[in-house]
Amino acid sequence: MSRDTGLELSPKKVEYIKFVNGKNGPVKTNDLAAGFGVDPSTITKTIVELADDGLLVYTPYHGVSLSAKGTIMAEFLVKRHRILALALTHFGLSHDQACLEVARFESFVSKDAIDQMCRAMGHPNKGICGDITHDDGCLRA
């Protein structure tokens, strides 16, 4: 991943990164499996792929945590969700509807598009489900 476009991860990997980001400390493979209703072997395969991509630190039998690169990616994934959900509320969707709809397509929206939307919205600091952080790409004119 030489230049992160925001499109590098599958929707499932996006959800895994956001799940790990939402926890304090290492997350056990069984906790991930239970959270997503899948077999632990399925989780392990994906965790290894994310670790190989440098996004997770994986220690067998101890769990996973975000790497420095993974933390940056997670911050973007959260920002993307919140910007898109906020945008949908401007078109009449309720907060719950917006979150559900965004979850269906957010993995297919690029970082450049999110940065442009953020600028057009005046760099909002609050989304419908939490604070929105800004980075150099968003703040660049």
N, C-alpha and C. Protein backbone atom coordinates (compact mmCIF):
# COMPACT_ATOMS: atom_id res chain seq x y z
N MET A 1 0.83 -1.18 0.00
CA MET A 1 0.00 0.00 0.00
C MET A 1 0.88 1.24 0.00
N SER A 2 1.33 1.64 -1.15
CA SER A 2 2.21 2.79 -1.19
C SER A 2 1.44 4.09 -0.95
N ARG A 3 0.31 4.26 -1.60
CA ARG A 3 -0.53 5.43 -1.36
C ARG A 3 -1.89 4.92 -0.94
N ASP A 4 -2.28 5.24 0.28
CA ASP A 4 -3.55 4.76 0.77
C ASP A 4 -4.68 5.57 0.13
N THR A 5 -5.58 4.87 -0.54
CA THR A 5 -6.71 5.51 -1.19
C THR A 5 -7.98 5.36 -0.38
N GLY A 6 -7.94 4.50 0.64
CA GLY A 6 -9.13 4.20 1.41
C GLY A 6 -9.91 3.05 0.83
N LEU A 7 -9.42 2.49 -0.27
CA LEU A 7 -10.12 1.40 -0.96
C LEU A 7 -9.38 0.08 -0.86
N GLU A 8 -8.30 0.03 -0.06
CA GLU A 8 -7.44 -1.14 0.00
C GLU A 8 -8.09 -2.34 0.69
N LEU A 9 -9.03 -2.08 1.57
CA LEU A 9 -9.58 -3.15 2.40
C LEU A 9 -10.98 -3.58 1.95
N SER A 10 -11.22 -4.86 2.06
CA SER A 10 -12.56 -5.38 1.79
C SER A 10 -13.50 -4.89 2.89
N PRO A 11 -14.80 -4.90 2.63
CA PRO A 11 -15.75 -4.48 3.67
C PRO A 11 -15.58 -5.27 4.97
N LYS A 12 -15.31 -6.55 4.90
CA LYS A 12 -15.14 -7.36 6.11
C LYS A 12 -13.89 -6.92 6.88
N LYS A 13 -12.79 -6.66 6.16
CA LYS A 13 -11.57 -6.21 6.83
C LYS A 13 -11.77 -4.85 7.48
N VAL A 14 -12.55 -4.00 6.83
CA VAL A 14 -12.88 -2.70 7.42
C VAL A 14 -13.58 -2.90 8.77
N GLU A 15 -14.54 -3.81 8.79
CA GLU A 15 -15.27 -4.07 10.03
C GLU A 15 -14.35 -4.62 11.11
N TYR A 16 -13.43 -5.49 10.76
CA TYR A 16 -12.50 -6.05 11.73
C TYR A 16 -11.61 -4.96 12.33
N ILE A 17 -11.09 -4.08 11.48
CA ILE A 17 -10.23 -2.99 11.94
C ILE A 17 -11.02 -2.08 12.88
N LYS A 18 -12.25 -1.74 12.50
CA LYS A 18 -13.06 -0.87 13.34
C LYS A 18 -13.41 -1.56 14.67
N PHE A 19 -13.63 -2.87 14.64
CA PHE A 19 -13.93 -3.62 15.86
C PHE A 19 -12.73 -3.57 16.82
N VAL A 20 -11.55 -3.85 16.30
CA VAL A 20 -10.34 -3.83 17.13
C VAL A 20 -10.11 -2.41 17.65
N ASN A 21 -10.34 -1.42 16.82
CA ASN A 21 -10.17 -0.02 17.22
C ASN A 21 -11.09 0.35 18.38
N GLY A 22 -12.26 -0.22 18.41
CA GLY A 22 -13.23 0.10 19.44
C GLY A 22 -13.00 -0.57 20.78
N LYS A 23 -11.99 -1.40 20.88
CA LYS A 23 -11.69 -2.12 22.12
C LYS A 23 -10.45 -1.53 22.79
N ASN A 24 -10.37 -1.71 24.08
CA ASN A 24 -9.17 -1.29 24.81
C ASN A 24 -8.24 -2.49 24.95
N GLY A 25 -7.05 -2.37 24.42
CA GLY A 25 -6.08 -3.45 24.54
C GLY A 25 -6.26 -4.53 23.50
N PRO A 26 -5.46 -5.56 23.60
CA PRO A 26 -5.54 -6.65 22.63
C PRO A 26 -6.90 -7.33 22.62
N VAL A 27 -7.32 -7.76 21.43
CA VAL A 27 -8.60 -8.44 21.25
C VAL A 27 -8.31 -9.90 20.94
N LYS A 28 -8.92 -10.78 21.67
CA LYS A 28 -8.76 -12.23 21.46
C LYS A 28 -9.47 -12.65 20.18
N THR A 29 -8.89 -13.65 19.52
CA THR A 29 -9.48 -14.19 18.30
C THR A 29 -10.91 -14.67 18.54
N ASN A 30 -11.13 -15.33 19.67
CA ASN A 30 -12.47 -15.82 19.98
C ASN A 30 -13.47 -14.69 20.18
N ASP A 31 -13.02 -13.55 20.70
CA ASP A 31 -13.91 -12.40 20.86
C ASP A 31 -14.30 -11.83 19.50
N LEU A 32 -13.33 -11.78 18.59
CA LEU A 32 -13.63 -11.34 17.23
C LEU A 32 -14.61 -12.30 16.56
N ALA A 33 -14.34 -13.58 16.69
CA ALA A 33 -15.21 -14.59 16.08
C ALA A 33 -16.63 -14.48 16.62
N ALA A 34 -16.76 -14.33 17.93
CA ALA A 34 -18.08 -14.19 18.53
C ALA A 34 -18.77 -12.91 18.07
N GLY A 35 -18.01 -11.84 17.98
CA GLY A 35 -18.56 -10.55 17.55
C GLY A 35 -19.09 -10.56 16.14
N PHE A 36 -18.52 -11.40 15.30
CA PHE A 36 -18.93 -11.46 13.90
C PHE A 36 -19.69 -12.74 13.55
N GLY A 37 -19.84 -13.62 14.55
CA GLY A 37 -20.60 -14.84 14.31
C GLY A 37 -19.97 -15.77 13.30
N VAL A 38 -18.64 -15.87 13.33
CA VAL A 38 -17.94 -16.75 12.41
C VAL A 38 -17.00 -17.67 13.19
N ASP A 39 -16.49 -18.65 12.52
CA ASP A 39 -15.55 -19.60 13.11
C ASP A 39 -14.21 -18.91 13.39
N PRO A 40 -13.56 -19.23 14.50
CA PRO A 40 -12.25 -18.62 14.80
C PRO A 40 -11.21 -18.80 13.68
N SER A 41 -11.27 -19.91 12.95
CA SER A 41 -10.29 -20.11 11.87
C SER A 41 -10.47 -19.07 10.76
N THR A 42 -11.70 -18.65 10.53
CA THR A 42 -11.97 -17.61 9.53
C THR A 42 -11.35 -16.29 9.99
N ILE A 43 -11.52 -15.99 11.25
CA ILE A 43 -10.96 -14.77 11.82
C ILE A 43 -9.44 -14.80 11.74
N THR A 44 -8.84 -15.93 12.09
CA THR A 44 -7.39 -16.05 12.11
C THR A 44 -6.81 -15.79 10.73
N LYS A 45 -7.43 -16.33 9.70
CA LYS A 45 -6.95 -16.12 8.33
C LYS A 45 -6.94 -14.63 7.99
N THR A 46 -8.00 -13.94 8.31
CA THR A 46 -8.09 -12.51 8.00
C THR A 46 -7.14 -11.70 8.86
N ILE A 47 -6.99 -12.07 10.12
CA ILE A 47 -6.06 -11.38 11.01
C ILE A 47 -4.63 -11.49 10.47
N VAL A 48 -4.25 -12.66 10.03
CA VAL A 48 -2.90 -12.85 9.48
C VAL A 48 -2.71 -11.96 8.25
N GLU A 49 -3.74 -11.87 7.40
CA GLU A 49 -3.64 -11.00 6.22
C GLU A 49 -3.47 -9.54 6.63
N LEU A 50 -4.25 -9.10 7.62
CA LEU A 50 -4.14 -7.71 8.09
C LEU A 50 -2.79 -7.46 8.76
N ALA A 51 -2.27 -8.45 9.46
CA ALA A 51 -0.94 -8.32 10.06
C ALA A 51 0.12 -8.26 8.97
N ASP A 52 -0.02 -9.07 7.93
CA ASP A 52 0.92 -9.04 6.81
C ASP A 52 0.91 -7.69 6.10
N ASP A 53 -0.26 -7.02 6.11
CA ASP A 53 -0.38 -5.69 5.51
C ASP A 53 0.13 -4.60 6.44
N GLY A 54 0.55 -4.98 7.65
CA GLY A 54 1.09 -4.02 8.60
C GLY A 54 0.04 -3.26 9.39
N LEU A 55 -1.21 -3.71 9.36
CA LEU A 55 -2.28 -2.99 10.05
C LEU A 55 -2.56 -3.50 11.46
N LEU A 56 -2.25 -4.77 11.70
CA LEU A 56 -2.45 -5.36 13.01
C LEU A 56 -1.15 -5.96 13.52
N VAL A 57 -1.06 -6.04 14.84
CA VAL A 57 0.00 -6.79 15.49
C VAL A 57 -0.70 -8.01 16.06
N TYR A 58 -0.28 -9.19 15.60
CA TYR A 58 -0.94 -10.43 15.99
C TYR A 58 0.03 -11.32 16.74
N THR A 59 -0.36 -11.69 17.95
CA THR A 59 0.41 -12.62 18.75
C THR A 59 -0.50 -13.81 19.04
N PRO A 60 -0.23 -14.97 18.40
CA PRO A 60 -1.10 -16.13 18.62
C PRO A 60 -1.32 -16.40 20.11
N TYR A 61 -2.55 -16.70 20.43
CA TYR A 61 -3.01 -17.02 21.79
C TYR A 61 -3.05 -15.80 22.72
N HIS A 62 -2.66 -14.64 22.23
CA HIS A 62 -2.71 -13.42 23.05
C HIS A 62 -3.61 -12.36 22.45
N GLY A 63 -3.87 -12.43 21.17
CA GLY A 63 -4.78 -11.49 20.54
C GLY A 63 -4.13 -10.56 19.54
N VAL A 64 -4.92 -9.58 19.12
CA VAL A 64 -4.48 -8.62 18.12
C VAL A 64 -4.68 -7.20 18.64
N SER A 65 -3.86 -6.31 18.14
CA SER A 65 -4.02 -4.89 18.40
C SER A 65 -3.63 -4.14 17.13
N LEU A 66 -3.99 -2.90 17.06
CA LEU A 66 -3.64 -2.11 15.89
C LEU A 66 -2.17 -1.72 15.91
N SER A 67 -1.53 -1.77 14.76
CA SER A 67 -0.18 -1.24 14.62
C SER A 67 -0.31 0.28 14.46
N ALA A 68 0.80 0.96 14.36
CA ALA A 68 0.76 2.41 14.13
C ALA A 68 0.04 2.70 12.81
N LYS A 69 0.36 1.94 11.78
CA LYS A 69 -0.29 2.10 10.48
C LYS A 69 -1.78 1.75 10.60
N GLY A 70 -2.09 0.74 11.37
CA GLY A 70 -3.48 0.35 11.58
C GLY A 70 -4.28 1.41 12.31
N THR A 71 -3.65 2.09 13.23
CA THR A 71 -4.32 3.17 13.97
C THR A 71 -4.68 4.31 13.03
N ILE A 72 -3.76 4.66 12.14
CA ILE A 72 -4.03 5.71 11.15
C ILE A 72 -5.18 5.28 10.24
N MET A 73 -5.15 4.02 9.81
CA MET A 73 -6.23 3.51 8.96
C MET A 73 -7.55 3.52 9.71
N ALA A 74 -7.55 3.09 10.95
CA ALA A 74 -8.78 3.05 11.76
C ALA A 74 -9.36 4.45 11.93
N GLU A 75 -8.51 5.42 12.16
CA GLU A 75 -8.98 6.80 12.30
C GLU A 75 -9.68 7.26 11.03
N PHE A 76 -9.10 6.90 9.88
CA PHE A 76 -9.74 7.25 8.61
C PHE A 76 -11.07 6.51 8.45
N LEU A 77 -11.11 5.22 8.78
CA LEU A 77 -12.34 4.44 8.61
C LEU A 77 -13.47 5.01 9.46
N VAL A 78 -13.16 5.42 10.66
CA VAL A 78 -14.17 6.03 11.54
C VAL A 78 -14.61 7.37 10.96
N LYS A 79 -13.64 8.17 10.52
CA LYS A 79 -13.97 9.47 9.92
C LYS A 79 -14.85 9.27 8.69
N ARG A 80 -14.50 8.32 7.83
CA ARG A 80 -15.28 8.07 6.62
C ARG A 80 -16.72 7.74 6.98
N HIS A 81 -16.89 6.85 7.94
CA HIS A 81 -18.24 6.46 8.36
C HIS A 81 -19.02 7.68 8.86
N ARG A 82 -18.39 8.48 9.68
CA ARG A 82 -19.08 9.61 10.30
C ARG A 82 -19.40 10.71 9.30
N ILE A 83 -18.50 10.98 8.36
CA ILE A 83 -18.76 11.99 7.33
C ILE A 83 -19.92 11.53 6.44
N LEU A 84 -19.87 10.28 6.00
CA LEU A 84 -20.94 9.77 5.14
C LEU A 84 -22.28 9.73 5.85
N ALA A 85 -22.30 9.29 7.10
CA ALA A 85 -23.55 9.24 7.86
C ALA A 85 -24.11 10.64 8.06
N LEU A 86 -23.25 11.59 8.40
CA LEU A 86 -23.69 12.96 8.58
C LEU A 86 -24.28 13.50 7.27
N ALA A 87 -23.61 13.21 6.16
CA ALA A 87 -24.13 13.66 4.87
C ALA A 87 -25.52 13.10 4.60
N LEU A 88 -25.73 11.84 4.90
CA LEU A 88 -27.04 11.23 4.64
C LEU A 88 -28.14 11.84 5.51
N THR A 89 -27.79 12.28 6.71
CA THR A 89 -28.81 12.92 7.54
C THR A 89 -29.25 14.25 6.94
N HIS A 90 -28.39 14.88 6.17
CA HIS A 90 -28.75 16.13 5.49
C HIS A 90 -29.78 15.89 4.39
N PHE A 91 -29.94 14.64 3.99
CA PHE A 91 -30.91 14.29 2.96
C PHE A 91 -32.14 13.59 3.54
N GLY A 92 -32.33 13.75 4.85
CA GLY A 92 -33.56 13.30 5.48
C GLY A 92 -33.52 11.96 6.17
N LEU A 93 -32.42 11.23 6.12
CA LEU A 93 -32.36 9.96 6.82
C LEU A 93 -32.18 10.19 8.32
N SER A 94 -32.81 9.33 9.12
CA SER A 94 -32.60 9.41 10.56
C SER A 94 -31.17 8.97 10.87
N HIS A 95 -30.74 9.22 12.09
CA HIS A 95 -29.39 8.79 12.49
C HIS A 95 -29.22 7.29 12.32
N ASP A 96 -30.20 6.51 12.77
CA ASP A 96 -30.11 5.05 12.64
C ASP A 96 -30.08 4.62 11.19
N GLN A 97 -30.96 5.20 10.38
CA GLN A 97 -30.99 4.85 8.95
C GLN A 97 -29.65 5.19 8.29
N ALA A 98 -29.11 6.36 8.61
CA ALA A 98 -27.85 6.79 8.00
C ALA A 98 -26.73 5.83 8.34
N CYS A 99 -26.62 5.43 9.59
CA CYS A 99 -25.57 4.49 9.99
C CYS A 99 -25.72 3.15 9.27
N LEU A 100 -26.93 2.66 9.20
CA LEU A 100 -27.17 1.38 8.51
C LEU A 100 -26.84 1.47 7.03
N GLU A 101 -27.26 2.53 6.38
CA GLU A 101 -27.00 2.68 4.94
C GLU A 101 -25.52 2.84 4.66
N VAL A 102 -24.84 3.64 5.45
CA VAL A 102 -23.40 3.86 5.25
C VAL A 102 -22.64 2.55 5.40
N ALA A 103 -23.04 1.72 6.34
CA ALA A 103 -22.36 0.44 6.54
C ALA A 103 -22.43 -0.42 5.28
N ARG A 104 -23.41 -0.19 4.44
CA ARG A 104 -23.57 -0.99 3.21
C ARG A 104 -22.58 -0.61 2.12
N PHE A 105 -22.13 0.66 2.11
CA PHE A 105 -21.30 1.09 0.98
C PHE A 105 -20.02 1.82 1.33
N GLU A 106 -19.76 2.08 2.59
CA GLU A 106 -18.64 2.93 2.96
C GLU A 106 -17.28 2.44 2.45
N SER A 107 -17.10 1.15 2.32
CA SER A 107 -15.81 0.60 1.88
C SER A 107 -15.48 0.94 0.44
N PHE A 108 -16.45 1.49 -0.28
CA PHE A 108 -16.25 1.79 -1.70
C PHE A 108 -16.09 3.28 -1.96
N VAL A 109 -15.89 4.07 -0.90
CA VAL A 109 -15.72 5.51 -1.04
C VAL A 109 -14.27 5.85 -0.72
N SER A 110 -13.61 6.52 -1.64
CA SER A 110 -12.18 6.80 -1.51
C SER A 110 -11.87 7.90 -0.51
N LYS A 111 -10.62 7.93 -0.08
CA LYS A 111 -10.14 8.97 0.83
C LYS A 111 -10.26 10.34 0.18
N ASP A 112 -9.95 10.44 -1.10
CA ASP A 112 -10.07 11.72 -1.80
C ASP A 112 -11.50 12.23 -1.76
N ALA A 113 -12.47 11.34 -1.99
CA ALA A 113 -13.88 11.75 -1.96
C ALA A 113 -14.27 12.21 -0.55
N ILE A 114 -13.83 11.49 0.46
CA ILE A 114 -14.14 11.88 1.84
C ILE A 114 -13.51 13.22 2.17
N ASP A 115 -12.26 13.43 1.76
CA ASP A 115 -11.60 14.72 2.01
C ASP A 115 -12.37 15.86 1.35
N GLN A 116 -12.83 15.66 0.11
CA GLN A 116 -13.59 16.69 -0.59
C GLN A 116 -14.93 16.95 0.10
N MET A 117 -15.60 15.88 0.53
CA MET A 117 -16.87 16.04 1.24
C MET A 117 -16.66 16.79 2.55
N CYS A 118 -15.61 16.45 3.27
CA CYS A 118 -15.31 17.09 4.54
C CYS A 118 -15.08 18.59 4.34
N ARG A 119 -14.30 18.94 3.33
CA ARG A 119 -14.06 20.36 3.04
C ARG A 119 -15.37 21.06 2.68
N ALA A 120 -16.19 20.43 1.82
CA ALA A 120 -17.46 21.02 1.39
C ALA A 120 -18.43 21.20 2.56
N MET A 121 -18.32 20.34 3.56
CA MET A 121 -19.20 20.41 4.73
C MET A 121 -18.63 21.36 5.79
N GLY A 122 -17.49 21.98 5.51
CA GLY A 122 -16.90 22.93 6.45
C GLY A 122 -16.16 22.28 7.60
N HIS A 123 -15.61 21.10 7.38
CA HIS A 123 -14.84 20.37 8.40
C HIS A 123 -15.63 20.19 9.70
N PRO A 124 -16.74 19.47 9.63
CA PRO A 124 -17.53 19.29 10.85
C PRO A 124 -16.72 18.54 11.91
N ASN A 125 -16.94 18.91 13.15
CA ASN A 125 -16.24 18.27 14.26
C ASN A 125 -17.07 17.19 14.93
N LYS A 126 -18.37 17.20 14.69
CA LYS A 126 -19.28 16.23 15.31
C LYS A 126 -20.07 15.53 14.22
N GLY A 127 -20.05 14.19 14.27
CA GLY A 127 -20.90 13.39 13.42
C GLY A 127 -22.07 12.90 14.23
N ILE A 128 -22.94 12.11 13.63
CA ILE A 128 -24.10 11.62 14.36
C ILE A 128 -23.73 10.54 15.35
N CYS A 129 -22.55 9.94 15.19
CA CYS A 129 -22.15 8.88 16.13
C CYS A 129 -20.80 9.18 16.77
N GLY A 130 -20.40 10.44 16.81
CA GLY A 130 -19.18 10.78 17.51
C GLY A 130 -18.39 11.89 16.84
N ASP A 131 -17.25 12.19 17.45
CA ASP A 131 -16.38 13.25 16.95
C ASP A 131 -15.77 12.87 15.61
N ILE A 132 -15.52 13.89 14.80
CA ILE A 132 -14.85 13.71 13.52
C ILE A 132 -13.49 14.38 13.62
N THR A 133 -12.44 13.61 13.35
CA THR A 133 -11.09 14.16 13.37
C THR A 133 -10.67 14.51 11.94
N HIS A 134 -9.72 15.39 11.83
CA HIS A 134 -9.26 15.86 10.52
C HIS A 134 -7.77 15.59 10.38
N ASP A 135 -7.36 15.38 9.12
CA ASP A 135 -5.95 15.13 8.83
C ASP A 135 -5.49 16.09 7.74
N ASP A 136 -4.24 15.98 7.33
CA ASP A 136 -3.68 16.88 6.33
C ASP A 136 -4.45 16.83 5.01
N GLY A 137 -4.88 15.64 4.59
CA GLY A 137 -5.60 15.52 3.33
C GLY A 137 -6.89 16.29 3.34
N CYS A 138 -7.59 16.22 4.44
CA CYS A 138 -8.86 16.91 4.60
C CYS A 138 -8.65 18.42 4.70
N LEU A 139 -7.65 18.83 5.41
CA LEU A 139 -7.43 20.25 5.67
C LEU A 139 -6.73 20.96 4.52
N ARG A 140 -6.16 20.17 3.60
CA ARG A 140 -5.47 20.76 2.44
C ARG A 140 -6.52 21.42 1.53
N ALA A 141 -6.20 22.59 1.05
CA ALA A 141 -7.15 23.33 0.19
C ALA A 141 -7.18 22.78 -1.20
